[in-house]
């Protein structure tokens, strides 16, 4: 469609004259009537966070997203741009995106009075109407609001001339969305500069007799004050936010797994990877247990990034084994979980009286998570014959992070009675008919299932597991 090039053409086209909050509200109502979600790509918030966010936008309120780290606050803020019009008209050449209908800055007002309907306009896309600022202690008022530009003064203009101002981030995104991440980190004297923006909708710069009515949606994110301890949101500023939306961690194992599969770095294309569902469940259960542990600082939380990083480490171990052993398919196993512990400790803050107990806390939670998932899927399995083989000394299985699937399965002999049933109950592809396995992909999947069964028997105190040199373990009677 041909877009208007002047104010007169814009009026003739019937383009609506509305504020950014009215624009967001109208587009949100259209989505709701069409049965579409507020946003996509955010999992687990459909019945909790998103309804609150919808109400805040429909009410035309500036808002603050409050929650622990790794709760998709920044992602939610960025997706709000989807509610803006794809393109919006602004006065051509304006630094602060003045509306052609209601010019705000002195230069655009002067041009409007001179040119009238011949005022030239241009169109900006929605991404140029969104600004994101990470609050840091060195942030200045000039960064957010603006300051006198000495170069413009040197050109001969007077200090009282509004056109000597170099506009900051907020005015430059007039008629858009401005997001400030980690708002408590912003020094309190700088937070004061936002008071007029949120209430009176204007700015003040170095004593100028200036009223610049701003049309913005201001969105902030913050961790709970009692966690960050790096600063606070001053009470007058907190009072000016119309809504506070509290985020949360995934509340179900399925949501946690879905987020991991969406966000984790894809494995290398030259090594096919299959991650058994039961191992995804183990990682999700591990995080659930850590989030409830008294030994973990719950104010800082256990981020979903922990789960994502653990998943990536798990997959990396399988890819490393496949590359070393020549397997055609990389399938993570229980033995790969051992590498998750040291890689993940840096993401958690502990509340321990004695130093050095972090590994024990996570290791205990990991064993409990494995046993929980094992009982969920295999709790009703009759494994007495397998246990009897271990007790009689007929069977000993040794495994490690570089033990191939074929080598692990060879320890069982020609066949494993019940293997097909175990894989079916775990939701994995079944091995060959009668519990046999084929060399290659089937062996890798079967080895992962068999190792999981052995670990569950060990945690249930039905067979022993001994640590061998070089990180290898041996299951025996």
Protein backbone atom coordinates (compact mmCIF):
# COMPACT_ATOMS: atom_id res chain seq x y z
CA UNK A 1 0.00 0.00 0.00
CA UNK A 2 1.26 3.48 -0.86
CA UNK A 3 1.93 5.39 2.33
CA UNK A 4 1.13 9.06 2.81
CA UNK A 5 4.06 11.42 2.28
CA UNK A 6 2.52 14.61 3.73
CA UNK A 7 0.24 15.51 6.60
CA UNK A 8 -2.58 16.26 4.18
CA UNK A 9 -2.35 12.82 2.59
CA UNK A 10 -2.24 11.26 6.06
CA UNK A 11 -5.47 13.02 7.07
CA UNK A 12 -7.13 11.98 3.82
CA UNK A 13 -6.15 8.34 4.38
CA UNK A 14 -8.02 8.28 7.68
CA UNK A 15 -5.00 7.23 9.72
CA UNK A 16 -6.08 7.36 13.38
CA UNK A 17 -4.78 10.01 15.74
CA UNK A 18 -3.99 8.08 18.93
CA UNK A 19 -1.40 7.74 21.65
CA UNK A 20 0.97 4.80 21.91
CA UNK A 21 -1.04 3.31 24.76
CA UNK A 22 -4.24 3.60 22.73
CA UNK A 23 -2.42 1.93 19.84
CA UNK A 24 -1.26 -0.94 22.06
CA UNK A 25 -4.73 -1.33 23.55
CA UNK A 26 -6.43 -1.41 20.14
CA UNK A 27 -4.03 -4.00 18.76
CA UNK A 28 -4.31 -6.12 21.90
CA UNK A 29 -8.11 -6.06 21.75
CA UNK A 30 -7.91 -7.15 18.11
CA UNK A 31 -5.71 -10.08 19.12
CA UNK A 32 -7.99 -11.12 21.94
CA UNK A 33 -11.05 -11.01 19.70
CA UNK A 34 -9.24 -13.16 17.15
CA UNK A 35 -8.38 -15.70 19.86
CA UNK A 36 -4.65 -15.04 19.52
CA UNK A 37 -2.26 -14.91 22.50
CA UNK A 38 -0.69 -11.70 23.73
CA UNK A 39 2.71 -13.04 22.73
CA UNK A 40 4.38 -16.23 21.61
CA UNK A 41 7.66 -17.79 22.65
CA UNK A 42 7.02 -17.48 26.39
CA UNK A 43 6.08 -20.77 28.06
CA UNK A 44 4.23 -21.32 31.33
CA UNK A 45 2.69 -17.85 31.74
CA UNK A 46 -0.62 -18.34 29.93
CA UNK A 47 -2.76 -18.53 33.06
CA UNK A 48 -0.70 -16.37 35.40
CA UNK A 49 1.55 -13.60 34.08
CA UNK A 50 0.00 -12.92 30.67
CA UNK A 51 -3.51 -12.15 32.00
CA UNK A 52 -2.02 -9.60 34.41
CA UNK A 53 0.03 -8.09 31.60
CA UNK A 54 -3.03 -7.89 29.37
CA UNK A 55 -5.00 -6.07 32.06
CA UNK A 56 -2.17 -3.57 32.58
CA UNK A 57 -1.95 -2.80 28.86
CA UNK A 58 -5.70 -2.50 28.49
CA UNK A 59 -5.71 -0.08 31.42
CA UNK A 60 -2.98 1.98 29.75
CA UNK A 61 -0.60 1.64 32.68
CA UNK A 62 3.16 1.84 32.86
CA UNK A 63 4.34 -1.36 34.49
CA UNK A 64 7.17 -3.11 36.25
CA UNK A 65 7.97 -6.81 35.92
CA UNK A 66 9.25 -8.18 39.21
CA UNK A 67 10.86 -11.58 39.60
CA UNK A 68 14.00 -13.58 40.16
CA UNK A 69 16.64 -14.00 37.51
CA UNK A 70 15.91 -16.16 34.50
CA UNK A 71 12.13 -15.69 34.53
CA UNK A 72 11.79 -14.30 30.98
CA UNK A 73 11.18 -10.71 32.10
CA UNK A 74 13.32 -9.18 29.36
CA UNK A 75 11.83 -11.48 26.75
CA UNK A 76 8.32 -10.40 27.73
CA UNK A 77 9.28 -6.74 27.43
CA UNK A 78 10.80 -7.20 23.99
CA UNK A 79 7.73 -9.03 22.72
CA UNK A 80 5.53 -6.03 23.55
CA UNK A 81 6.77 -4.47 20.32
CA UNK A 82 4.58 -6.98 18.47
CA UNK A 83 1.58 -4.92 19.64
CA UNK A 84 2.82 -1.76 17.96
CA UNK A 85 1.71 -0.94 14.43
CA UNK A 86 4.10 -2.31 11.85
CA UNK A 87 4.89 1.25 10.72
CA UNK A 88 3.99 4.63 12.18
CA UNK A 89 4.14 8.14 10.64
CA UNK A 90 6.50 10.76 12.07
CA UNK A 91 7.53 14.21 10.99
CA UNK A 92 10.39 13.81 8.52
CA UNK A 93 13.77 14.64 10.03
CA UNK A 94 12.52 14.84 13.62
CA UNK A 95 14.85 13.51 16.32
CA UNK A 96 12.06 12.50 18.68
CA UNK A 97 9.46 10.96 16.34
CA UNK A 98 6.96 13.80 16.59
CA UNK A 99 3.42 12.98 15.53
CA UNK A 100 2.38 14.80 12.35
CA UNK A 101 -0.97 15.52 13.99
CA UNK A 102 0.52 16.97 17.19
CA UNK A 103 4.16 18.08 16.76
CA UNK A 104 5.96 18.19 20.10
CA UNK A 105 9.39 19.75 19.63
CA UNK A 106 9.85 23.43 18.73
CA UNK A 107 11.35 22.68 15.30
CA UNK A 108 8.40 20.50 14.22
CA UNK A 109 5.87 22.99 15.59
CA UNK A 110 7.52 25.74 13.54
CA UNK A 111 7.51 23.62 10.38
CA UNK A 112 3.89 22.64 10.99
CA UNK A 113 2.82 26.28 11.24
CA UNK A 114 4.73 27.15 8.07
CA UNK A 115 3.80 24.17 5.87
CA UNK A 116 0.42 23.06 7.20
CA UNK A 117 -0.83 20.02 5.31
CA UNK A 118 2.32 20.01 3.20
CA UNK A 119 4.38 18.98 6.25
CA UNK A 120 6.52 16.04 5.02
CA UNK A 121 6.29 12.79 6.94
CA UNK A 122 8.16 9.52 6.97
CA UNK A 123 7.34 6.07 8.35
CA UNK A 124 9.31 4.19 11.00
CA UNK A 125 9.01 0.48 11.77
CA UNK A 126 8.08 -0.85 15.20
CA UNK A 127 11.61 -1.84 16.18
CA UNK A 128 12.79 1.78 15.93
CA UNK A 129 10.07 2.72 18.41
CA UNK A 130 11.49 0.45 21.11
CA UNK A 131 14.43 1.25 23.36
CA UNK A 132 16.02 -0.95 26.00
CA UNK A 133 18.41 0.37 28.62
CA UNK A 134 20.28 -1.71 31.18
CA UNK A 135 20.43 0.32 34.39
CA UNK A 136 24.01 0.71 35.53
CA UNK A 137 25.55 2.86 38.29
CA UNK A 138 27.23 5.10 35.71
CA UNK A 139 23.95 6.00 33.97
CA UNK A 140 23.42 9.77 33.85
CA UNK A 141 20.35 11.95 33.47
CA UNK A 142 21.74 13.00 30.10
CA UNK A 143 21.58 9.38 28.93
CA UNK A 144 17.89 9.05 29.76
CA UNK A 145 16.48 12.56 29.36
CA UNK A 146 19.05 14.77 27.62
CA UNK A 147 21.46 17.63 28.14
CA UNK A 148 22.71 20.82 26.54
CA UNK A 149 24.77 20.12 23.44
CA UNK A 150 27.86 22.37 23.59
CA UNK A 151 28.45 21.97 19.86
CA UNK A 152 25.03 23.46 19.09
CA UNK A 153 25.74 26.32 21.50
CA UNK A 154 29.09 26.92 19.80
CA UNK A 155 27.26 27.27 16.49
CA UNK A 156 25.78 30.51 17.79
CA UNK A 157 22.52 29.45 19.42
CA UNK A 158 21.63 30.71 22.88
CA UNK A 159 21.35 28.51 25.94
CA UNK A 160 17.67 29.35 26.16
CA UNK A 161 17.03 27.83 22.73
CA UNK A 162 15.32 24.46 23.00
CA UNK A 163 17.17 23.33 19.89
CA UNK A 164 20.47 23.31 21.77
CA UNK A 165 19.34 20.18 23.62
CA UNK A 166 20.73 16.77 22.79
CA UNK A 167 17.83 14.44 23.58
CA UNK A 168 18.30 11.32 25.67
CA UNK A 169 16.90 7.82 25.25
CA UNK A 170 13.39 8.49 26.52
CA UNK A 171 12.54 11.55 24.35
CA UNK A 172 14.11 9.90 21.30
CA UNK A 173 11.56 7.11 21.64
CA UNK A 174 8.59 9.42 22.02
CA UNK A 175 5.49 7.55 20.79
CA UNK A 176 7.12 4.21 21.57
CA UNK A 177 8.12 1.81 24.34
CA UNK A 178 11.06 2.44 26.67
CA UNK A 179 12.30 -0.48 28.80
CA UNK A 180 14.71 -0.15 31.73
CA UNK A 181 16.17 -3.45 32.89
CA UNK A 182 17.30 -3.95 36.51
CA UNK A 183 15.75 -0.66 37.64
CA UNK A 184 17.00 -0.91 41.28
CA UNK A 185 20.58 -0.65 39.94
CA UNK A 186 19.78 2.86 38.70
CA UNK A 187 21.13 5.43 41.22
CA UNK A 188 18.35 7.05 43.21
CA UNK A 189 19.24 10.55 42.01
CA UNK A 190 18.78 9.32 38.45
CA UNK A 191 15.48 7.62 39.26
CA UNK A 192 14.16 11.05 40.28
CA UNK A 193 14.50 12.17 36.66
CA UNK A 194 11.84 9.63 35.69
CA UNK A 195 9.20 10.97 38.09
CA UNK A 196 7.92 13.64 35.71
CA UNK A 197 8.04 11.23 32.78
CA UNK A 198 5.67 8.83 34.53
CA UNK A 199 3.28 11.34 36.09
CA UNK A 200 3.32 14.71 34.33
CA UNK A 201 4.54 13.20 31.04
CA UNK A 202 7.12 15.89 30.49
CA UNK A 203 10.87 16.40 30.95
CA UNK A 204 13.03 19.07 32.58
CA UNK A 205 16.61 19.71 31.48
CA UNK A 206 19.08 21.93 33.34
CA UNK A 207 16.51 24.50 34.42
CA UNK A 208 15.05 25.08 30.97
CA UNK A 209 11.56 26.50 30.92
CA UNK A 210 10.55 23.56 28.80
CA UNK A 211 7.50 21.37 28.67
CA UNK A 212 7.89 18.42 26.32
CA UNK A 213 4.79 16.22 26.57
CA UNK A 214 5.98 12.68 26.04
CA UNK A 215 3.91 9.80 24.77
CA UNK A 216 5.67 6.64 25.94
CA UNK A 217 4.97 3.34 27.62
CA UNK A 218 7.61 2.90 30.31
CA UNK A 219 8.33 -0.70 31.31
CA UNK A 220 10.87 -1.71 33.95
CA UNK A 221 12.20 -5.01 35.21
CA UNK A 222 13.66 -5.75 38.61
CA UNK A 223 14.71 -8.54 40.90
CA UNK A 224 13.17 -8.48 44.38
CA UNK A 225 14.79 -5.74 46.44
CA UNK A 226 15.74 -8.08 49.25
CA UNK A 227 17.77 -10.18 46.81
CA UNK A 228 19.77 -7.65 44.83
CA UNK A 229 20.96 -5.50 47.75
CA UNK A 230 22.52 -3.27 45.11
CA UNK A 231 19.87 -0.58 45.32
CA UNK A 232 16.17 0.01 45.57
CA UNK A 233 13.36 1.63 43.68
CA UNK A 234 12.53 4.92 45.38
CA UNK A 235 8.99 5.04 46.76
CA UNK A 236 7.72 7.96 44.60
CA UNK A 237 8.85 6.18 41.45
CA UNK A 238 7.38 2.84 42.51
CA UNK A 239 4.09 4.61 43.22
CA UNK A 240 3.95 6.01 39.70
CA UNK A 241 3.98 2.60 38.00
CA UNK A 242 0.39 1.65 37.40
CA UNK A 243 0.90 -2.10 37.60
CA UNK A 244 3.37 -4.57 39.06
CA UNK A 245 3.42 -7.96 37.37
CA UNK A 246 5.12 -10.78 39.23
CA UNK A 247 6.81 -13.47 37.14
CA UNK A 248 7.67 -16.98 38.27
CA UNK A 249 9.64 -20.08 37.36
CA UNK A 250 7.99 -22.90 35.36
CA UNK A 251 5.45 -24.63 37.56
CA UNK A 252 5.44 -27.99 35.81
CA UNK A 253 8.10 -30.37 34.58
CA UNK A 254 6.61 -30.22 31.08
CA UNK A 255 6.97 -26.43 30.96
CA UNK A 256 10.58 -26.63 32.13
CA UNK A 257 11.39 -29.20 29.44
CA UNK A 258 9.62 -27.20 26.74
CA UNK A 259 11.64 -24.09 27.61
CA UNK A 260 14.88 -26.06 27.53
CA UNK A 261 14.13 -27.49 24.10
CA UNK A 262 13.28 -24.01 22.83
CA UNK A 263 16.28 -22.19 24.27
CA UNK A 264 19.13 -24.71 24.33
CA UNK A 265 21.89 -24.34 21.77
CA UNK A 266 21.30 -26.87 18.98
CA UNK A 267 23.86 -29.70 18.83
CA UNK A 268 26.26 -29.87 15.88
CA UNK A 269 24.52 -30.90 12.68
CA UNK A 270 27.14 -33.51 11.80
CA UNK A 271 26.32 -35.62 14.90
CA UNK A 272 22.65 -36.63 15.23
CA UNK A 273 21.44 -36.39 18.82
CA UNK A 274 18.55 -38.06 20.61
CA UNK A 275 17.88 -36.99 24.20
CA UNK A 276 15.73 -39.51 26.08
CA UNK A 277 12.68 -37.96 27.67
CA UNK A 278 13.47 -39.49 31.05
CA UNK A 279 16.77 -37.59 31.23
CA UNK A 280 14.96 -34.34 30.47
CA UNK A 281 12.65 -35.17 33.35
CA UNK A 282 15.62 -35.84 35.64
CA UNK A 283 17.06 -32.38 34.96
CA UNK A 284 13.66 -30.76 35.49
CA UNK A 285 13.14 -32.64 38.76
CA UNK A 286 16.64 -31.64 39.85
CA UNK A 287 15.77 -27.98 39.44
CA UNK A 288 12.47 -28.44 41.28
CA UNK A 289 14.33 -29.96 44.23
CA UNK A 290 16.98 -27.21 44.24
CA UNK A 291 14.32 -24.51 44.19
CA UNK A 292 12.86 -26.04 47.34
CA UNK A 293 16.15 -26.81 49.08
CA UNK A 294 16.92 -24.96 52.35
CA UNK A 295 20.59 -25.05 51.37
CA UNK A 296 19.98 -22.92 48.27
CA UNK A 297 19.40 -19.18 48.44
CA UNK A 298 15.78 -19.06 47.31
CA UNK A 299 15.74 -15.27 47.04
CA UNK A 300 18.21 -15.51 44.19
CA UNK A 301 16.44 -18.56 42.83
CA UNK A 302 17.56 -21.26 40.44
CA UNK A 303 17.25 -19.85 36.97
CA UNK A 304 15.92 -21.71 33.96
CA UNK A 305 19.34 -20.94 32.52
CA UNK A 306 20.63 -23.57 34.97
CA UNK A 307 18.41 -26.20 33.34
CA UNK A 308 19.38 -25.05 29.86
CA UNK A 309 23.09 -25.15 30.70
CA UNK A 310 22.75 -28.59 32.29
CA UNK A 311 20.93 -29.89 29.20
CA UNK A 312 23.65 -28.52 26.91
CA UNK A 313 26.37 -30.12 29.06
CA UNK A 314 24.50 -33.42 28.98
CA UNK A 315 24.22 -33.34 25.19
CA UNK A 316 27.88 -32.32 24.85
CA UNK A 317 28.93 -35.41 26.79
CA UNK A 318 26.95 -37.65 24.43
CA UNK A 319 28.37 -35.92 21.35
CA UNK A 320 31.91 -36.32 22.73
CA UNK A 321 31.34 -40.04 23.30
CA UNK A 322 29.84 -40.53 19.83
CA UNK A 323 32.80 -38.74 18.22
CA UNK A 324 35.31 -40.84 20.16
CA UNK A 325 33.59 -44.22 19.69
CA UNK A 326 32.32 -43.70 16.16
CA UNK A 327 28.64 -44.07 17.10
CA UNK A 328 26.19 -42.81 14.51
CA UNK A 329 23.82 -41.38 17.12
CA UNK A 330 24.67 -39.42 20.27
CA UNK A 331 22.40 -40.45 23.14
CA UNK A 332 22.98 -39.01 26.64
CA UNK A 333 23.14 -41.47 29.53
CA UNK A 334 23.13 -41.37 33.32
CA UNK A 335 26.93 -41.31 33.34
CA UNK A 336 26.81 -37.94 31.54
CA UNK A 337 24.96 -36.37 34.45
CA UNK A 338 28.14 -36.44 36.52
CA UNK A 339 29.57 -33.64 34.37
CA UNK A 340 26.53 -31.45 35.05
CA UNK A 341 27.52 -30.83 38.68
CA UNK A 342 30.78 -28.85 38.32
CA UNK A 343 29.46 -27.05 35.25
CA UNK A 344 26.32 -25.89 37.05
CA UNK A 345 27.55 -24.85 40.49
CA UNK A 346 28.44 -21.34 39.40
CA UNK A 347 24.80 -20.60 38.60
CA UNK A 348 23.53 -21.26 42.14
CA UNK A 349 23.94 -19.31 45.36
CA UNK A 350 24.02 -21.47 48.48
CA UNK A 351 23.16 -20.78 52.11
CA UNK A 352 25.64 -23.08 53.82
CA UNK A 353 27.44 -22.63 57.12
CA UNK A 354 30.44 -24.64 55.96
CA UNK A 355 32.22 -24.06 52.67
CA UNK A 356 32.72 -26.88 50.24
CA UNK A 357 29.35 -28.53 50.65
CA UNK A 358 27.88 -27.26 47.40
CA UNK A 359 28.72 -30.40 45.42
CA UNK A 360 27.10 -32.62 48.05
CA UNK A 361 23.89 -30.56 47.97
CA UNK A 362 23.54 -30.80 44.20
CA UNK A 363 24.64 -34.44 44.11
CA UNK A 364 22.01 -35.41 46.68
CA UNK A 365 19.33 -33.53 44.75
CA UNK A 366 20.44 -35.23 41.53
CA UNK A 367 20.18 -38.70 43.05
CA UNK A 368 16.74 -37.90 44.41
CA UNK A 369 15.68 -36.61 40.98
CA UNK A 370 16.87 -39.80 39.25
CA UNK A 371 15.04 -41.97 41.77
CA UNK A 372 11.85 -39.91 41.44
CA UNK A 373 11.77 -40.29 37.66
CA UNK A 374 12.76 -43.97 37.89
CA UNK A 375 9.88 -44.74 40.26
CA UNK A 376 7.49 -42.73 38.11
CA UNK A 377 8.12 -44.91 35.05
CA UNK A 378 9.55 -48.19 36.33
CA UNK A 379 8.26 -48.42 39.88
CA UNK A 380 5.97 -51.31 39.05
CA UNK A 381 8.52 -53.32 37.07
CA UNK A 382 9.46 -56.79 38.28
CA UNK A 383 13.26 -56.68 38.20
CA UNK A 384 13.95 -59.56 40.59
CA UNK A 385 15.53 -61.76 37.92
CA UNK A 386 17.96 -59.01 36.95
CA UNK A 387 18.85 -58.32 40.59
CA UNK A 388 19.33 -62.06 41.17
CA UNK A 389 21.92 -62.19 38.39
CA UNK A 390 23.88 -59.42 40.12
CA UNK A 391 23.54 -61.08 43.53
CA UNK A 392 24.72 -64.42 42.15
CA UNK A 393 27.81 -62.78 40.69
CA UNK A 394 26.75 -63.67 37.14
CA UNK A 395 26.55 -60.05 36.06
CA UNK A 396 28.83 -57.04 36.43
CA UNK A 397 28.41 -53.94 34.27
CA UNK A 398 31.08 -51.28 33.94
CA UNK A 399 30.42 -47.98 32.23
CA UNK A 400 31.97 -44.57 31.72
CA UNK A 401 31.61 -41.39 29.70
CA UNK A 402 33.50 -42.95 26.77
CA UNK A 403 31.92 -46.42 26.94
CA UNK A 404 30.03 -47.10 23.72
CA UNK A 405 26.52 -48.47 23.73
CA UNK A 406 27.67 -51.74 22.20
CA UNK A 407 30.34 -52.20 24.89
CA UNK A 408 27.90 -51.53 27.71
CA UNK A 409 25.29 -53.92 26.34
CA UNK A 410 27.90 -56.62 25.75
CA UNK A 411 28.31 -56.91 29.51
CA UNK A 412 24.75 -58.27 29.72
CA UNK A 413 25.40 -61.14 27.33
CA UNK A 414 23.37 -61.93 24.25
CA UNK A 415 20.15 -60.31 25.42
CA UNK A 416 18.51 -58.35 28.23
CA UNK A 417 15.19 -59.78 29.31
CA UNK A 418 12.68 -56.94 29.67
CA UNK A 419 14.60 -54.37 27.65
CA UNK A 420 11.75 -53.87 25.20
CA UNK A 421 9.30 -53.37 28.06
CA UNK A 422 11.57 -50.88 29.83
CA UNK A 423 12.05 -48.78 26.73
CA UNK A 424 8.32 -48.75 26.07
CA UNK A 425 7.52 -47.61 29.59
CA UNK A 426 10.14 -44.89 29.31
CA UNK A 427 8.66 -43.72 26.01
CA UNK A 428 11.74 -44.52 23.95
CA UNK A 429 12.00 -46.30 20.57
CA UNK A 430 11.81 -50.05 21.20
CA UNK A 431 14.83 -52.22 20.40
CA UNK A 432 14.72 -55.19 18.09
CA UNK A 433 12.08 -57.86 18.51
CA UNK A 434 12.43 -59.97 21.64
CA UNK A 435 14.76 -57.56 23.42
CA UNK A 436 17.65 -57.95 21.00
CA UNK A 437 19.51 -54.89 19.81
CA UNK A 438 21.19 -53.94 16.59
CA UNK A 439 24.59 -52.33 16.29
CA UNK A 440 24.36 -48.59 15.84
CA UNK A 441 21.50 -46.35 16.86
CA UNK A 442 19.44 -49.01 18.63
CA UNK A 443 22.41 -49.90 20.82
CA UNK A 444 22.91 -46.30 21.96
CA UNK A 445 19.26 -45.87 22.96
CA UNK A 446 19.16 -49.30 24.60
CA UNK A 447 22.36 -48.57 26.53
CA UNK A 448 20.87 -45.35 27.88
CA UNK A 449 17.75 -47.20 29.04
CA UNK A 450 19.77 -50.05 30.57
CA UNK A 451 22.06 -47.67 32.44
CA UNK A 452 19.05 -45.77 33.80
CA UNK A 453 17.56 -49.05 35.06
CA UNK A 454 20.82 -49.95 36.81
CA UNK A 455 21.12 -46.54 38.44
CA UNK A 456 17.58 -46.78 39.76
CA UNK A 457 18.29 -50.21 41.23
CA UNK A 458 21.39 -48.81 42.91
CA UNK A 459 19.56 -45.82 44.36
CA UNK A 460 16.88 -48.20 45.57
CA UNK A 461 19.65 -50.15 47.36
CA UNK A 462 19.13 -53.33 45.39
CA UNK A 463 22.54 -53.45 43.67
CA UNK A 464 25.89 -51.82 44.37
CA UNK A 465 27.73 -49.18 42.43
CA UNK A 466 31.46 -48.61 42.89
CA UNK A 467 33.55 -45.79 41.49
CA UNK A 468 36.45 -46.99 39.37
CA UNK A 469 39.44 -45.05 38.09
CA UNK A 470 39.02 -42.31 35.47
CA UNK A 471 35.41 -41.59 36.37
CA UNK A 472 34.15 -45.04 35.47
CA UNK A 473 31.56 -46.86 37.60
CA UNK A 474 30.86 -50.54 38.10
CA UNK A 475 27.45 -52.01 38.95
CA UNK A 476 27.54 -55.31 40.81
CA UNK A 477 25.84 -57.45 43.44
